[in-house]
């Protein structure tokens, strides 16, 4: 009987420690993400499976995270993403949906068009130069079309 009380007390202490770690983790991440990043957006015809939490990369380096994907009033897929505040995105860039290999995760890839550009995008800006997602089926059908002509 005495052993059950000790196990109950130890279990309660463990539970309280786990809850405090979870609370601290969620507060630290939400504060850090909101203060150390800024929002950008892009509109696509097809996003090909981009979801909240997917990476945003430039030159293969992670620079942010997708924060929202929605259908706008004109039926475009509007993707909003956070970019780390220490990264400045030039105004002349293109953005496309890429993937890590055949079965890999999808991510947004930003490519600078003019690397010497000293003008940068502001928070809540929209990237206009968009390359829509091409599925494997789209690519195969294009190759077959080209081969038969």
Protein backbone atom coordinates (compact mmCIF):
# COMPACT_ATOMS: atom_id res chain seq x y z
CA UNK A 1 0.00 0.00 0.00
CA UNK A 2 2.84 2.37 0.86
CA UNK A 3 4.46 1.67 -2.50
CA UNK A 4 1.28 2.74 -4.38
CA UNK A 5 1.39 6.20 -2.74
CA UNK A 6 5.02 6.68 -3.78
CA UNK A 7 4.29 5.59 -7.34
CA UNK A 8 1.30 7.94 -7.48
CA UNK A 9 3.34 10.88 -6.21
CA UNK A 10 6.21 10.15 -8.63
CA UNK A 11 3.74 9.83 -11.50
CA UNK A 12 2.15 13.17 -10.60
CA UNK A 13 5.53 14.88 -10.42
CA UNK A 14 6.52 13.40 -13.79
CA UNK A 15 3.23 14.56 -15.29
CA UNK A 16 3.70 18.12 -13.98
CA UNK A 17 7.27 18.27 -15.34
CA UNK A 18 6.08 17.05 -18.75
CA UNK A 19 3.30 19.67 -18.84
CA UNK A 20 5.72 22.45 -17.88
CA UNK A 21 8.16 21.41 -20.64
CA UNK A 22 5.34 21.33 -23.19
CA UNK A 23 4.08 24.75 -22.10
CA UNK A 24 7.59 26.25 -22.25
CA UNK A 25 8.26 24.69 -25.67
CA UNK A 26 5.07 26.03 -27.26
CA UNK A 27 5.55 29.54 -25.82
CA UNK A 28 9.20 29.73 -26.85
CA UNK A 29 8.47 28.62 -30.42
CA UNK A 30 5.47 30.90 -30.97
CA UNK A 31 7.33 33.97 -29.67
CA UNK A 32 10.44 33.18 -31.68
CA UNK A 33 8.57 32.55 -34.92
CA UNK A 34 6.50 35.71 -34.72
CA UNK A 35 9.41 38.01 -33.84
CA UNK A 36 12.16 36.52 -36.02
CA UNK A 37 10.33 36.25 -39.34
CA UNK A 38 8.25 38.17 -41.84
CA UNK A 39 5.46 37.06 -44.16
CA UNK A 40 5.53 36.85 -47.96
CA UNK A 41 3.02 35.30 -50.35
CA UNK A 42 2.71 33.91 -53.86
CA UNK A 43 -0.25 32.78 -55.97
CA UNK A 44 -0.09 29.54 -57.93
CA UNK A 45 -2.43 27.79 -60.37
CA UNK A 46 -1.30 24.42 -58.90
CA UNK A 47 0.66 23.89 -55.67
CA UNK A 48 0.98 20.12 -55.95
CA UNK A 49 0.69 19.19 -52.29
CA UNK A 50 2.36 22.10 -50.48
CA UNK A 51 1.13 22.09 -46.88
CA UNK A 52 1.58 24.18 -43.76
CA UNK A 53 4.99 23.44 -42.27
CA UNK A 54 6.77 22.69 -45.56
CA UNK A 55 10.17 24.33 -46.01
CA UNK A 56 10.99 27.44 -48.01
CA UNK A 57 14.48 27.22 -49.52
CA UNK A 58 16.84 29.46 -51.44
CA UNK A 59 19.86 27.84 -53.12
CA UNK A 60 19.00 24.64 -51.22
CA UNK A 61 19.19 26.34 -47.80
CA UNK A 62 16.12 26.52 -45.57
CA UNK A 63 15.10 30.15 -45.09
CA UNK A 64 11.54 29.79 -43.87
CA UNK A 65 8.34 27.78 -43.48
CA UNK A 66 4.95 27.70 -45.21
CA UNK A 67 2.38 29.19 -42.82
CA UNK A 68 -0.88 29.11 -44.82
CA UNK A 69 -2.32 27.66 -48.03
CA UNK A 70 -5.75 28.80 -49.18
CA UNK A 71 -7.90 29.27 -52.26
CA UNK A 72 -8.42 32.97 -53.01
CA UNK A 73 -11.42 34.68 -54.63
CA UNK A 74 -10.02 34.15 -58.16
CA UNK A 75 -9.45 30.40 -57.51
CA UNK A 76 -5.68 30.70 -57.25
CA UNK A 77 -3.81 28.80 -54.55
CA UNK A 78 -2.40 31.53 -52.32
CA UNK A 79 0.59 30.38 -50.29
CA UNK A 80 1.72 32.53 -47.37
CA UNK A 81 5.11 31.76 -45.88
CA UNK A 82 7.43 33.03 -43.18
CA UNK A 83 11.02 33.96 -44.00
CA UNK A 84 13.64 34.37 -41.27
CA UNK A 85 14.20 38.07 -40.63
CA UNK A 86 17.97 37.80 -41.13
CA UNK A 87 17.33 36.77 -44.77
CA UNK A 88 16.60 39.57 -47.24
CA UNK A 89 14.82 38.44 -50.42
CA UNK A 90 15.62 40.48 -53.55
CA UNK A 91 12.65 41.95 -55.42
CA UNK A 92 13.57 40.10 -58.61
CA UNK A 93 13.04 36.44 -57.72
CA UNK A 94 11.08 33.50 -59.02
CA UNK A 95 9.36 30.93 -56.84
CA UNK A 96 8.36 27.36 -57.64
CA UNK A 97 7.19 24.18 -55.96
CA UNK A 98 9.99 21.60 -55.85
CA UNK A 99 10.41 18.23 -54.22
CA UNK A 100 13.21 16.26 -52.55
CA UNK A 101 13.44 13.38 -54.99
CA UNK A 102 10.60 11.26 -56.35
CA UNK A 103 9.03 10.46 -52.98
CA UNK A 104 10.41 13.41 -51.01
CA UNK A 105 8.63 16.31 -49.35
CA UNK A 106 7.52 19.31 -51.34
CA UNK A 107 9.02 22.73 -50.65
CA UNK A 108 9.00 26.24 -52.06
CA UNK A 109 12.19 27.12 -53.92
CA UNK A 110 13.07 30.80 -54.33
CA UNK A 111 15.62 31.68 -57.01
CA UNK A 112 17.09 35.17 -57.39
CA UNK A 113 16.93 36.47 -60.96
CA UNK A 114 19.33 39.36 -60.38
CA UNK A 115 21.83 38.52 -57.63
CA UNK A 116 23.16 42.09 -57.59
CA UNK A 117 19.75 43.56 -56.79
CA UNK A 118 19.93 45.81 -53.72
CA UNK A 119 16.14 46.24 -53.51
CA UNK A 120 14.47 43.78 -51.16
CA UNK A 121 10.90 42.60 -50.61
CA UNK A 122 9.04 44.10 -47.67
CA UNK A 123 6.87 42.16 -45.25
CA UNK A 124 3.53 41.03 -46.77
CA UNK A 125 4.84 41.47 -50.34
CA UNK A 126 3.73 39.13 -53.11
CA UNK A 127 6.19 37.35 -55.39
CA UNK A 128 4.79 37.72 -58.90
CA UNK A 129 7.21 35.54 -60.91
CA UNK A 130 5.70 32.11 -60.18
CA UNK A 131 6.42 28.74 -61.80
CA UNK A 132 3.52 26.37 -61.21
CA UNK A 133 3.96 22.79 -60.06
CA UNK A 134 4.43 20.15 -62.75
CA UNK A 135 3.54 16.62 -61.73
CA UNK A 136 5.29 13.60 -63.18
CA UNK A 137 2.20 12.94 -65.30
CA UNK A 138 2.42 16.46 -66.78
CA UNK A 139 6.08 15.96 -67.63
CA UNK A 140 5.53 12.52 -69.21
CA UNK A 141 2.62 13.77 -71.31
CA UNK A 142 4.71 16.71 -72.53
CA UNK A 143 7.54 14.34 -73.52
CA UNK A 144 5.10 12.03 -75.34
CA UNK A 145 3.54 15.02 -77.12
CA UNK A 146 6.98 16.24 -78.24
CA UNK A 147 8.03 12.75 -79.34
CA UNK A 148 4.93 12.21 -81.50
CA UNK A 149 5.25 15.48 -83.40
